[in-house]
Amino acid sequence: MLSLMEYMRRKIMSRFISQHAYAQVWPHNLPSIVHNKLAKAVEQGRKLMVFWGGGVTYETLENYTKNNVVNMELRECDCRYWQISGIPCKHVACVILYLRRDPEGFVHNYFKKDAFMKTYSGIINPIPDRVMWSDVDCQLPLPLIKRNPIGRPKKLRRRGPDEHVIGTKTKCFVLRCEYCRATGHNVRSCNKKDN
């Protein structure tokens, strides 16, 4: 168990360092995957038409048939992609281009470089070998006391009311008389045999 914990500690320690170094060389304020999704949404948003509905609501029209309502104050779109992912969809990107604003400002804060750096800012210090650890005066943990329940141990687990119970005997044969070849009785109770 101790070896497993040491392996996990080393893995997390090296992961924190590598991710922190990776975030420092980002060319943008966003990771490359999010930046590419945003660029694709902006490219698709250029083909849409925008109509201002007054206030903070806008309507986008796609192929003269599909329309979506975008609320910039509540950060909502009818397609719900913006609410779920935190990255503007093509409808929101179209409105952002209409307003001549920067699309990166409308991406959720947990995708930005500052949040990523805060996530991996913690430091896990190296630990010396087990031989160098100081001795602690405490009682070693003992295993739990095994208590055997009264009665014969159960062989099968308790099944639910909707489960099929395995091992139940069902009638899977048909009684057939050897004398008259009829079903429902055997030779001993056959009436034709006596006649």
C-alpha atoms as a PDB file:
ATOM      1  CA  MET A   1       0.000   0.000   0.000  1.00  0.00           C
ATOM      2  CA  LEU A   2       2.819   2.370   0.877  1.00  0.00           C
ATOM      3  CA  SER A   3       4.518   1.714  -2.477  1.00  0.00           C
ATOM      4  CA  LEU A   4       1.290   2.559  -4.288  1.00  0.00           C
ATOM      5  CA  MET A   5       0.930   5.830  -2.373  1.00  0.00           C
ATOM      6  CA  GLU A   6       4.528   6.769  -3.110  1.00  0.00           C
ATOM      7  CA  TYR A   7       3.994   6.033  -6.820  1.00  0.00           C
ATOM      8  CA  MET A   8       0.888   8.237  -6.880  1.00  0.00           C
ATOM      9  CA  ARG A   9       2.675  11.053  -5.025  1.00  0.00           C
ATOM     10  CA  ARG A  10       5.541  11.055  -7.529  1.00  0.00           C
ATOM     11  CA  LYS A  11       3.133  10.954 -10.458  1.00  0.00           C
ATOM     12  CA  ILE A  12       1.089  13.920  -9.155  1.00  0.00           C
ATOM     13  CA  MET A  13       4.257  15.844  -8.279  1.00  0.00           C
ATOM     14  CA  SER A  14       5.667  15.492 -11.800  1.00  0.00           C
ATOM     15  CA  ARG A  15       2.253  16.218 -13.374  1.00  0.00           C
ATOM     16  CA  PHE A  16       1.945  19.527 -11.508  1.00  0.00           C
ATOM     17  CA  ILE A  17       5.379  20.635 -12.705  1.00  0.00           C
ATOM     18  CA  SER A  18       4.837  19.589 -16.351  1.00  0.00           C
ATOM     19  CA  GLN A  19       1.374  21.189 -16.609  1.00  0.00           C
ATOM     20  CA  HIS A  20       2.624  24.427 -15.038  1.00  0.00           C
ATOM     21  CA  ALA A  21       5.496  24.573 -17.546  1.00  0.00           C
ATOM     22  CA  TYR A  22       3.107  23.722 -20.400  1.00  0.00           C
ATOM     23  CA  ALA A  23       0.790  26.635 -19.533  1.00  0.00           C
ATOM     24  CA  GLN A  24       3.659  29.132 -19.510  1.00  0.00           C
ATOM     25  CA  VAL A  25       4.384  28.574 -23.215  1.00  0.00           C
ATOM     26  CA  TRP A  26       0.809  28.995 -24.470  1.00  0.00           C
ATOM     27  CA  PRO A  27       0.733  31.391 -27.418  1.00  0.00           C
ATOM     28  CA  HIS A  28      -2.745  32.631 -26.377  1.00  0.00           C
ATOM     29  CA  ASN A  29      -4.670  33.187 -23.173  1.00  0.00           C
ATOM     30  CA  LEU A  30      -6.572  29.940 -23.915  1.00  0.00           C
ATOM     31  CA  PRO A  31      -5.394  26.352 -24.409  1.00  0.00           C
ATOM     32  CA  SER A  32      -4.953  25.313 -28.031  1.00  0.00           C
ATOM     33  CA  ILE A  33      -8.035  23.032 -28.071  1.00  0.00           C
ATOM     34  CA  VAL A  34     -10.340  25.809 -26.806  1.00  0.00           C
ATOM     35  CA  HIS A  35      -8.708  28.375 -29.106  1.00  0.00           C
ATOM     36  CA  ASN A  36      -9.297  26.102 -32.136  1.00  0.00           C
ATOM     37  CA  LYS A  37     -12.973  25.551 -31.166  1.00  0.00           C
ATOM     38  CA  LEU A  38     -13.454  29.286 -30.773  1.00  0.00           C
ATOM     39  CA  ALA A  39     -11.789  29.986 -34.140  1.00  0.00           C
ATOM     40  CA  LYS A  40     -14.069  27.413 -35.800  1.00  0.00           C
ATOM     41  CA  ALA A  41     -17.160  29.013 -34.205  1.00  0.00           C
ATOM     42  CA  VAL A  42     -16.052  32.469 -35.412  1.00  0.00           C
ATOM     43  CA  GLU A  43     -15.506  31.123 -38.936  1.00  0.00           C
ATOM     44  CA  GLN A  44     -18.982  29.534 -38.973  1.00  0.00           C
ATOM     45  CA  GLY A  45     -20.518  32.660 -37.402  1.00  0.00           C
ATOM     46  CA  ARG A  46     -19.397  34.805 -40.342  1.00  0.00           C
ATOM     47  CA  LYS A  47     -22.019  33.071 -42.526  1.00  0.00           C
ATOM     48  CA  LEU A  48     -24.966  33.990 -40.252  1.00  0.00           C
ATOM     49  CA  MET A  49     -27.120  37.115 -40.182  1.00  0.00           C
ATOM     50  CA  VAL A  50     -27.742  39.123 -36.993  1.00  0.00           C
ATOM     51  CA  PHE A  51     -30.786  41.169 -35.995  1.00  0.00           C
ATOM     52  CA  TRP A  52     -30.752  43.289 -32.861  1.00  0.00           C
ATOM     53  CA  GLY A  53     -33.866  42.724 -30.767  1.00  0.00           C
ATOM     54  CA  GLY A  54     -33.286  45.694 -28.451  1.00  0.00           C
ATOM     55  CA  GLY A  55     -31.425  45.655 -25.171  1.00  0.00           C
ATOM     56  CA  VAL A  56     -29.148  42.632 -24.836  1.00  0.00           C
ATOM     57  CA  THR A  57     -31.017  40.137 -27.033  1.00  0.00           C
ATOM     58  CA  TYR A  58     -30.060  39.311 -30.600  1.00  0.00           C
ATOM     59  CA  GLU A  59     -31.499  36.976 -33.199  1.00  0.00           C
ATOM     60  CA  THR A  60     -29.287  35.045 -35.603  1.00  0.00           C
ATOM     61  CA  LEU A  61     -30.587  33.644 -38.873  1.00  0.00           C
ATOM     62  CA  GLU A  62     -29.034  30.612 -40.566  1.00  0.00           C
ATOM     63  CA  ASN A  63     -29.941  29.641 -44.174  1.00  0.00           C
ATOM     64  CA  TYR A  64     -33.040  31.890 -43.944  1.00  0.00           C
ATOM     65  CA  THR A  65     -34.808  29.124 -41.983  1.00  0.00           C
ATOM     66  CA  LYS A  66     -33.204  28.498 -38.586  1.00  0.00           C
ATOM     67  CA  ASN A  67     -33.101  31.271 -36.041  1.00  0.00           C
ATOM     68  CA  ASN A  68     -31.630  31.370 -32.524  1.00  0.00           C
ATOM     69  CA  VAL A  69     -31.992  33.980 -29.797  1.00  0.00           C
ATOM     70  CA  VAL A  70     -28.829  35.074 -27.974  1.00  0.00           C
ATOM     71  CA  ASN A  71     -28.906  36.916 -24.633  1.00  0.00           C
ATOM     72  CA  MET A  72     -25.513  38.518 -24.078  1.00  0.00           C
ATOM     73  CA  GLU A  73     -26.152  39.639 -20.494  1.00  0.00           C
ATOM     74  CA  LEU A  74     -27.247  36.230 -19.217  1.00  0.00           C
ATOM     75  CA  ARG A  75     -24.773  34.490 -21.560  1.00  0.00           C
ATOM     76  CA  GLU A  76     -27.426  32.232 -23.038  1.00  0.00           C
ATOM     77  CA  CYS A  77     -28.119  30.870 -26.502  1.00  0.00           C
ATOM     78  CA  ASP A  78     -31.078  28.781 -27.687  1.00  0.00           C
ATOM     79  CA  CYS A  79     -28.756  25.966 -28.813  1.00  0.00           C
ATOM     80  CA  ARG A  80     -27.451  25.777 -25.185  1.00  0.00           C
ATOM     81  CA  TYR A  81     -23.879  25.054 -26.294  1.00  0.00           C
ATOM     82  CA  TRP A  82     -22.591  28.226 -24.656  1.00  0.00           C
ATOM     83  CA  GLN A  83     -24.206  27.379 -21.295  1.00  0.00           C
ATOM     84  CA  ILE A  84     -22.981  23.768 -21.306  1.00  0.00           C
ATOM     85  CA  SER A  85     -19.426  24.136 -22.592  1.00  0.00           C
ATOM     86  CA  GLY A  86     -18.531  27.718 -21.624  1.00  0.00           C
ATOM     87  CA  ILE A  87     -17.237  28.313 -25.175  1.00  0.00           C
ATOM     88  CA  PRO A  88     -19.265  30.589 -27.497  1.00  0.00           C
ATOM     89  CA  CYS A  89     -21.131  28.793 -30.281  1.00  0.00           C
ATOM     90  CA  LYS A  90     -21.400  30.054 -33.855  1.00  0.00           C
ATOM     91  CA  HIS A  91     -24.535  32.071 -33.019  1.00  0.00           C
ATOM     92  CA  VAL A  92     -22.800  33.880 -30.164  1.00  0.00           C
ATOM     93  CA  ALA A  93     -19.661  34.345 -32.275  1.00  0.00           C
ATOM     94  CA  CYS A  94     -21.807  35.986 -34.949  1.00  0.00           C
ATOM     95  CA  VAL A  95     -23.203  38.458 -32.389  1.00  0.00           C
ATOM     96  CA  ILE A  96     -19.698  39.130 -30.993  1.00  0.00           C
ATOM     97  CA  LEU A  97     -18.470  39.969 -34.510  1.00  0.00           C
ATOM     98  CA  TYR A  98     -21.533  42.194 -34.991  1.00  0.00           C
ATOM     99  CA  LEU A  99     -20.630  44.082 -31.788  1.00  0.00           C
ATOM    100  CA  ARG A 100     -16.925  44.224 -32.818  1.00  0.00           C
ATOM    101  CA  ARG A 101     -15.764  42.669 -29.534  1.00  0.00           C
ATOM    102  CA  ASP A 102     -13.013  40.155 -28.730  1.00  0.00           C
ATOM    103  CA  PRO A 103     -14.391  36.545 -28.706  1.00  0.00           C
ATOM    104  CA  GLU A 104     -11.873  35.438 -26.038  1.00  0.00           C
ATOM    105  CA  GLY A 105     -13.582  37.717 -23.516  1.00  0.00           C
ATOM    106  CA  PHE A 106     -16.752  35.632 -23.734  1.00  0.00           C
ATOM    107  CA  VAL A 107     -15.087  32.299 -22.929  1.00  0.00           C
ATOM    108  CA  HIS A 108     -15.660  31.099 -19.368  1.00  0.00           C
ATOM    109  CA  ASN A 109     -12.910  31.970 -16.888  1.00  0.00           C
ATOM    110  CA  TYR A 110     -12.075  28.341 -16.048  1.00  0.00           C
ATOM    111  CA  PHE A 111     -10.615  27.914 -19.552  1.00  0.00           C
ATOM    112  CA  LYS A 112      -8.207  30.834 -19.250  1.00  0.00           C
ATOM    113  CA  LYS A 113      -4.509  30.726 -18.460  1.00  0.00           C
ATOM    114  CA  ASP A 114      -4.869  32.227 -14.963  1.00  0.00           C
ATOM    115  CA  ALA A 115      -7.255  29.487 -13.825  1.00  0.00           C
ATOM    116  CA  PHE A 116      -4.997  26.794 -15.298  1.00  0.00           C
ATOM    117  CA  MET A 117      -1.944  28.234 -13.519  1.00  0.00           C
ATOM    118  CA  LYS A 118      -3.846  28.394 -10.200  1.00  0.00           C
ATOM    119  CA  THR A 119      -4.905  24.762 -10.598  1.00  0.00           C
ATOM    120  CA  TYR A 120      -1.307  23.561 -10.914  1.00  0.00           C
ATOM    121  CA  SER A 121       0.306  26.147  -8.620  1.00  0.00           C
ATOM    122  CA  GLY A 122       0.464  23.769  -5.654  1.00  0.00           C
ATOM    123  CA  ILE A 123       3.764  22.150  -4.744  1.00  0.00           C
ATOM    124  CA  ILE A 124       4.202  18.606  -3.479  1.00  0.00           C
ATOM    125  CA  ASN A 125       7.547  18.354  -1.734  1.00  0.00           C
ATOM    126  CA  PRO A 126       9.818  15.335  -2.185  1.00  0.00           C
ATOM    127  CA  ILE A 127       9.973  12.868   0.721  1.00  0.00           C
ATOM    128  CA  PRO A 128      13.157  11.065   1.835  1.00  0.00           C
ATOM    129  CA  ASP A 129      13.510   7.271   1.877  1.00  0.00           C
ATOM    130  CA  ARG A 130      11.577   5.204   4.437  1.00  0.00           C
ATOM    131  CA  VAL A 131      14.804   4.345   6.282  1.00  0.00           C
ATOM    132  CA  MET A 132      15.263   8.026   7.182  1.00  0.00           C
ATOM    133  CA  TRP A 133      11.743   8.477   8.561  1.00  0.00           C
ATOM    134  CA  SER A 134      11.564   9.155  12.290  1.00  0.00           C
ATOM    135  CA  ASP A 135      10.029   6.492  14.508  1.00  0.00           C
ATOM    136  CA  VAL A 136       6.605   7.230  15.913  1.00  0.00           C
ATOM    137  CA  ASP A 137       5.506   5.749  19.224  1.00  0.00           C
ATOM    138  CA  CYS A 138       2.014   4.465  18.536  1.00  0.00           C
ATOM    139  CA  GLN A 139       0.212   1.163  18.505  1.00  0.00           C
ATOM    140  CA  LEU A 140       0.059  -0.615  15.156  1.00  0.00           C
ATOM    141  CA  PRO A 141      -3.443  -1.031  13.733  1.00  0.00           C
ATOM    142  CA  LEU A 142      -4.867  -4.499  14.331  1.00  0.00           C
ATOM    143  CA  PRO A 143      -7.083  -6.407  11.893  1.00  0.00           C
ATOM    144  CA  LEU A 144     -10.810  -6.384  12.515  1.00  0.00           C
ATOM    145  CA  ILE A 145     -12.300  -9.111  14.672  1.00  0.00           C
ATOM    146  CA  LYS A 146     -14.134 -11.621  12.504  1.00  0.00           C
ATOM    147  CA  ARG A 147     -17.540 -12.488  13.862  1.00  0.00           C
ATOM    148  CA  ASN A 148     -19.315 -15.548  12.505  1.00  0.00           C
ATOM    149  CA  PRO A 149     -23.106 -15.163  12.409  1.00  0.00           C
ATOM    150  CA  ILE A 150     -25.314 -17.781  14.043  1.00  0.00           C
ATOM    151  CA  GLY A 151     -26.718 -20.493  11.798  1.00  0.00           C
ATOM    152  CA  ARG A 152     -25.761 -22.096   8.548  1.00  0.00           C
ATOM    153  CA  PRO A 153     -24.016 -19.747   6.065  1.00  0.00           C
ATOM    154  CA  LYS A 154     -26.074 -18.780   3.032  1.00  0.00           C
ATOM    155  CA  LYS A 155     -24.988 -20.270  -0.285  1.00  0.00           C
ATOM    156  CA  LEU A 156     -26.846 -17.911  -2.612  1.00  0.00           C
ATOM    157  CA  ARG A 157     -27.123 -14.153  -2.431  1.00  0.00           C
ATOM    158  CA  ARG A 158     -30.458 -12.533  -1.750  1.00  0.00           C
ATOM    159  CA  ARG A 159     -32.021 -11.612  -5.081  1.00  0.00           C
ATOM    160  CA  GLY A 160     -34.410  -8.793  -5.898  1.00  0.00           C
ATOM    161  CA  PRO A 161     -38.107  -9.342  -6.556  1.00  0.00           C
ATOM    162  CA  ASP A 162     -37.636  -8.750 -10.290  1.00  0.00           C
ATOM    163  CA  GLU A 163     -34.636 -11.091 -10.690  1.00  0.00           C
ATOM    164  CA  HIS A 164     -34.944 -14.649 -11.948  1.00  0.00           C
ATOM    165  CA  VAL A 165     -33.827 -17.109  -9.289  1.00  0.00           C
ATOM    166  CA  ILE A 166     -31.336 -19.599 -10.644  1.00  0.00           C
ATOM    167  CA  GLY A 167     -31.699 -23.166  -9.474  1.00  0.00           C
ATOM    168  CA  THR A 168     -35.475 -23.339  -9.092  1.00  0.00           C
ATOM    169  CA  LYS A 169     -36.938 -26.563 -10.362  1.00  0.00           C
ATOM    170  CA  THR A 170     -39.519 -26.200 -13.078  1.00  0.00           C
ATOM    171  CA  LYS A 171     -41.498 -28.934 -14.770  1.00  0.00           C
ATOM    172  CA  CYS A 172     -39.808 -29.403 -18.114  1.00  0.00           C
ATOM    173  CA  PHE A 173     -41.130 -32.829 -19.197  1.00  0.00           C
ATOM    174  CA  VAL A 174     -44.462 -34.269 -20.327  1.00  0.00           C
ATOM    175  CA  LEU A 175     -45.951 -37.485 -18.958  1.00  0.00           C
ATOM    176  CA  ARG A 176     -46.545 -39.927 -21.794  1.00  0.00           C
ATOM    177  CA  CYS A 177     -48.038 -43.375 -21.566  1.00  0.00           C
ATOM    178  CA  GLU A 178     -45.869 -46.203 -23.027  1.00  0.00           C
ATOM    179  CA  TYR A 179     -48.940 -48.288 -23.901  1.00  0.00           C
ATOM    180  CA  CYS A 180     -51.331 -45.877 -25.647  1.00  0.00           C
ATOM    181  CA  ARG A 181     -48.850 -43.011 -26.361  1.00  0.00           C
ATOM    182  CA  ALA A 182     -51.277 -40.436 -24.899  1.00  0.00           C
ATOM    183  CA  THR A 183     -50.108 -37.616 -22.654  1.00  0.00           C
ATOM    184  CA  GLY A 184     -51.172 -36.829 -19.108  1.00  0.00           C
ATOM    185  CA  HIS A 185     -50.779 -40.320 -17.554  1.00  0.00           C
ATOM    186  CA  ASN A 186     -48.337 -43.242 -17.437  1.00  0.00           C
ATOM    187  CA  VAL A 187     -48.637 -47.035 -17.959  1.00  0.00           C
ATOM    188  CA  ARG A 188     -49.758 -47.762 -14.388  1.00  0.00           C
ATOM    189  CA  SER A 189     -52.791 -45.478 -14.573  1.00  0.00           C
ATOM    190  CA  CYS A 190     -53.679 -46.233 -18.202  1.00  0.00           C
ATOM    191  CA  ASN A 191     -57.364 -47.225 -18.725  1.00  0.00           C
ATOM    192  CA  LYS A 192     -56.777 -48.862 -22.119  1.00  0.00           C
ATOM    193  CA  LYS A 193     -54.297 -51.357 -20.672  1.00  0.00           C
ATOM    194  CA  ASP A 194     -56.948 -52.944 -18.454  1.00  0.00           C
ATOM    195  CA  ASN A 195     -59.339 -53.329 -21.401  1.00  0.00           C
END
